[in-house]
Amino acid sequence: MDIRIGYGWDSHAFKAGVPLKIGGLSIDHPEGLAGHSDGDVLLHALTDALLGAVSAGDIGSFFPPGDPRWKDADSTIFLNLAMEEIQNAGYRIVNVDTTLVLDAPKIGPISSEMRERVA
């Protein structure tokens, strides 16, 4: 069995007036994450990790931030493409592990829902 491991990381600044979306969930918070798409740092990091595991490039090569087609795009589109690349390369996802680093909002109360959504 050939095992591949990918590493993804993402960061966006908080911005007032932008909806907050993390792990595919809309979260009630006064600020969202600034980005060309929906700014979902968790799904962006997962997308990069999966693409990297099969040497397919990175999220920016598939979805350039300057491309108007991806303005405010739902990041599940990015993750779904990464999963297709995994399958096309002849692999399957066995496990993923993620870490979110932020002061607010508190993720603990919604972590189970987020875990289910990402899975």
C-alpha atoms as a PDB file:
ATOM      1  CA  MET A   1       0.000   0.000   0.000  1.00  0.00           C
ATOM      2  CA  ASP A   2       1.361   3.395  -1.042  1.00  0.00           C
ATOM      3  CA  ILE A   3       0.600   6.062   1.551  1.00  0.00           C
ATOM      4  CA  ARG A   4       0.642   9.777   0.795  1.00  0.00           C
ATOM      5  CA  ILE A   5       0.484  12.624   3.292  1.00  0.00           C
ATOM      6  CA  GLY A   6      -0.338  16.218   2.424  1.00  0.00           C
ATOM      7  CA  TYR A   7       0.052  19.350   4.483  1.00  0.00           C
ATOM      8  CA  GLY A   8      -2.208  22.368   4.160  1.00  0.00           C
ATOM      9  CA  TRP A   9      -2.299  25.683   5.955  1.00  0.00           C
ATOM     10  CA  ASP A  10      -4.365  28.822   5.483  1.00  0.00           C
ATOM     11  CA  SER A  11      -4.924  32.159   7.157  1.00  0.00           C
ATOM     12  CA  HIS A  12      -7.276  35.082   6.534  1.00  0.00           C
ATOM     13  CA  ALA A  13      -7.790  38.323   8.435  1.00  0.00           C
ATOM     14  CA  PHE A  14     -11.125  39.010  10.082  1.00  0.00           C
ATOM     15  CA  LYS A  15     -13.225  41.649   8.345  1.00  0.00           C
ATOM     16  CA  ALA A  16     -16.434  43.357   9.447  1.00  0.00           C
ATOM     17  CA  GLY A  17     -19.491  42.928   7.244  1.00  0.00           C
ATOM     18  CA  VAL A  18     -18.356  39.570   5.850  1.00  0.00           C
ATOM     19  CA  PRO A  19     -20.187  36.342   6.770  1.00  0.00           C
ATOM     20  CA  LEU A  20     -18.067  33.883   8.766  1.00  0.00           C
ATOM     21  CA  LYS A  21     -17.785  30.406   7.331  1.00  0.00           C
ATOM     22  CA  ILE A  22     -15.481  27.729   8.753  1.00  0.00           C
ATOM     23  CA  GLY A  23     -15.607  24.051   7.902  1.00  0.00           C
ATOM     24  CA  GLY A  24     -18.543  24.638   5.606  1.00  0.00           C
ATOM     25  CA  LEU A  25     -20.641  26.045   8.443  1.00  0.00           C
ATOM     26  CA  SER A  26     -22.022  29.563   8.640  1.00  0.00           C
ATOM     27  CA  ILE A  27     -21.181  30.874  12.098  1.00  0.00           C
ATOM     28  CA  ASP A  28     -22.871  33.776  13.855  1.00  0.00           C
ATOM     29  CA  HIS A  29     -20.067  36.267  14.477  1.00  0.00           C
ATOM     30  CA  PRO A  30     -19.726  40.030  13.881  1.00  0.00           C
ATOM     31  CA  GLU A  31     -16.760  39.510  11.540  1.00  0.00           C
ATOM     32  CA  GLY A  32     -16.003  37.032   8.803  1.00  0.00           C
ATOM     33  CA  LEU A  33     -12.791  36.036   7.082  1.00  0.00           C
ATOM     34  CA  ALA A  34     -11.668  38.233   4.214  1.00  0.00           C
ATOM     35  CA  GLY A  35     -10.870  36.364   1.046  1.00  0.00           C
ATOM     36  CA  HIS A  36     -11.659  36.161  -2.634  1.00  0.00           C
ATOM     37  CA  SER A  37     -13.929  33.156  -2.075  1.00  0.00           C
ATOM     38  CA  ASP A  38     -15.901  32.588   1.137  1.00  0.00           C
ATOM     39  CA  GLY A  39     -12.640  32.659   3.174  1.00  0.00           C
ATOM     40  CA  ASP A  40     -13.214  29.222   4.732  1.00  0.00           C
ATOM     41  CA  VAL A  41      -9.715  28.625   6.128  1.00  0.00           C
ATOM     42  CA  LEU A  42     -10.452  25.059   7.198  1.00  0.00           C
ATOM     43  CA  LEU A  43     -11.670  23.892   3.801  1.00  0.00           C
ATOM     44  CA  HIS A  44      -8.840  25.798   2.086  1.00  0.00           C
ATOM     45  CA  ALA A  45      -6.212  24.069   4.237  1.00  0.00           C
ATOM     46  CA  LEU A  46      -7.820  20.666   3.637  1.00  0.00           C
ATOM     47  CA  THR A  47      -7.945  21.326  -0.106  1.00  0.00           C
ATOM     48  CA  ASP A  48      -4.244  22.222  -0.167  1.00  0.00           C
ATOM     49  CA  ALA A  49      -3.339  19.158   1.902  1.00  0.00           C
ATOM     50  CA  LEU A  50      -5.223  16.788  -0.395  1.00  0.00           C
ATOM     51  CA  LEU A  51      -3.870  18.335  -3.587  1.00  0.00           C
ATOM     52  CA  GLY A  52      -0.362  18.284  -2.151  1.00  0.00           C
ATOM     53  CA  ALA A  53      -0.608  14.632  -1.172  1.00  0.00           C
ATOM     54  CA  VAL A  54      -0.934  13.644  -4.840  1.00  0.00           C
ATOM     55  CA  SER A  55       1.337  16.394  -6.219  1.00  0.00           C
ATOM     56  CA  ALA A  56      -1.568  17.995  -8.089  1.00  0.00           C
ATOM     57  CA  GLY A  57      -0.643  21.603  -7.334  1.00  0.00           C
ATOM     58  CA  ASP A  58      -2.271  23.895  -4.824  1.00  0.00           C
ATOM     59  CA  ILE A  59      -5.576  25.661  -4.352  1.00  0.00           C
ATOM     60  CA  GLY A  60      -4.256  28.803  -6.047  1.00  0.00           C
ATOM     61  CA  SER A  61      -3.324  26.948  -9.225  1.00  0.00           C
ATOM     62  CA  PHE A  62      -6.830  25.492  -9.552  1.00  0.00           C
ATOM     63  CA  PHE A  63      -8.739  28.522  -8.259  1.00  0.00           C
ATOM     64  CA  PRO A  64      -6.647  31.684  -8.795  1.00  0.00           C
ATOM     65  CA  PRO A  65      -7.669  34.448  -6.387  1.00  0.00           C
ATOM     66  CA  GLY A  66      -7.804  36.995  -9.210  1.00  0.00           C
ATOM     67  CA  ASP A  67     -10.278  34.944 -11.245  1.00  0.00           C
ATOM     68  CA  PRO A  68     -13.760  36.508 -10.982  1.00  0.00           C
ATOM     69  CA  ARG A  69     -15.383  33.039 -11.289  1.00  0.00           C
ATOM     70  CA  TRP A  70     -14.291  32.289  -7.720  1.00  0.00           C
ATOM     71  CA  LYS A  71     -15.421  35.574  -6.159  1.00  0.00           C
ATOM     72  CA  ASP A  72     -17.443  34.620  -3.031  1.00  0.00           C
ATOM     73  CA  ALA A  73     -17.380  30.949  -4.130  1.00  0.00           C
ATOM     74  CA  ASP A  74     -18.362  28.229  -1.679  1.00  0.00           C
ATOM     75  CA  SER A  75     -15.141  26.462  -0.654  1.00  0.00           C
ATOM     76  CA  THR A  76     -16.813  23.054  -0.794  1.00  0.00           C
ATOM     77  CA  ILE A  77     -16.309  23.387  -4.570  1.00  0.00           C
ATOM     78  CA  PHE A  78     -12.554  23.500  -3.945  1.00  0.00           C
ATOM     79  CA  LEU A  79     -12.622  20.535  -1.590  1.00  0.00           C
ATOM     80  CA  ASN A  80     -14.733  18.463  -3.997  1.00  0.00           C
ATOM     81  CA  LEU A  81     -12.224  19.090  -6.788  1.00  0.00           C
ATOM     82  CA  ALA A  82      -9.377  18.007  -4.492  1.00  0.00           C
ATOM     83  CA  MET A  83     -11.258  14.801  -3.695  1.00  0.00           C
ATOM     84  CA  GLU A  84     -11.659  14.155  -7.442  1.00  0.00           C
ATOM     85  CA  GLU A  85      -7.894  14.626  -7.879  1.00  0.00           C
ATOM     86  CA  ILE A  86      -7.281  12.076  -5.101  1.00  0.00           C
ATOM     87  CA  GLN A  87      -9.538   9.549  -6.846  1.00  0.00           C
ATOM     88  CA  ASN A  88      -8.051  10.266 -10.291  1.00  0.00           C
ATOM     89  CA  ALA A  89      -4.581   9.608  -8.881  1.00  0.00           C
ATOM     90  CA  GLY A  90      -5.794   6.215  -7.623  1.00  0.00           C
ATOM     91  CA  TYR A  91      -5.839   7.024  -3.917  1.00  0.00           C
ATOM     92  CA  ARG A  92      -8.477   7.280  -1.235  1.00  0.00           C
ATOM     93  CA  ILE A  93      -8.713   9.399   1.875  1.00  0.00           C
ATOM     94  CA  VAL A  94      -8.261   7.391   5.051  1.00  0.00           C
ATOM     95  CA  ASN A  95      -7.976  10.110   7.683  1.00  0.00           C
ATOM     96  CA  VAL A  96      -7.559  13.845   8.042  1.00  0.00           C
ATOM     97  CA  ASP A  97      -6.663  15.855  11.100  1.00  0.00           C
ATOM     98  CA  THR A  98      -7.056  19.601  11.430  1.00  0.00           C
ATOM     99  CA  THR A  99      -6.283  22.322  13.927  1.00  0.00           C
ATOM    100  CA  LEU A 100      -7.988  25.699  14.111  1.00  0.00           C
ATOM    101  CA  VAL A 101      -6.201  28.511  15.921  1.00  0.00           C
ATOM    102  CA  LEU A 102      -8.409  31.481  16.852  1.00  0.00           C
ATOM    103  CA  ASP A 103      -9.566  33.413  19.898  1.00  0.00           C
ATOM    104  CA  ALA A 104     -13.169  33.789  18.796  1.00  0.00           C
ATOM    105  CA  PRO A 105     -15.664  32.501  18.080  1.00  0.00           C
ATOM    106  CA  LYS A 106     -15.551  29.433  20.276  1.00  0.00           C
ATOM    107  CA  ILE A 107     -15.510  26.326  18.099  1.00  0.00           C
ATOM    108  CA  GLY A 108     -16.058  23.788  20.905  1.00  0.00           C
ATOM    109  CA  PRO A 109     -19.859  24.143  20.949  1.00  0.00           C
ATOM    110  CA  ILE A 110     -20.088  23.480  17.194  1.00  0.00           C
ATOM    111  CA  SER A 111     -17.144  21.112  16.765  1.00  0.00           C
ATOM    112  CA  SER A 112     -19.294  17.990  16.361  1.00  0.00           C
ATOM    113  CA  GLU A 113     -21.409  19.633  13.681  1.00  0.00           C
ATOM    114  CA  MET A 114     -18.276  20.917  11.950  1.00  0.00           C
ATOM    115  CA  ARG A 115     -16.673  17.472  12.086  1.00  0.00           C
ATOM    116  CA  GLU A 116     -19.765  15.907  10.502  1.00  0.00           C
ATOM    117  CA  ARG A 117     -19.928  18.581   7.812  1.00  0.00           C
ATOM    118  CA  VAL A 118     -16.276  18.133   6.829  1.00  0.00           C
ATOM    119  CA  ALA A 119     -16.545  14.341   6.883  1.00  0.00           C
END
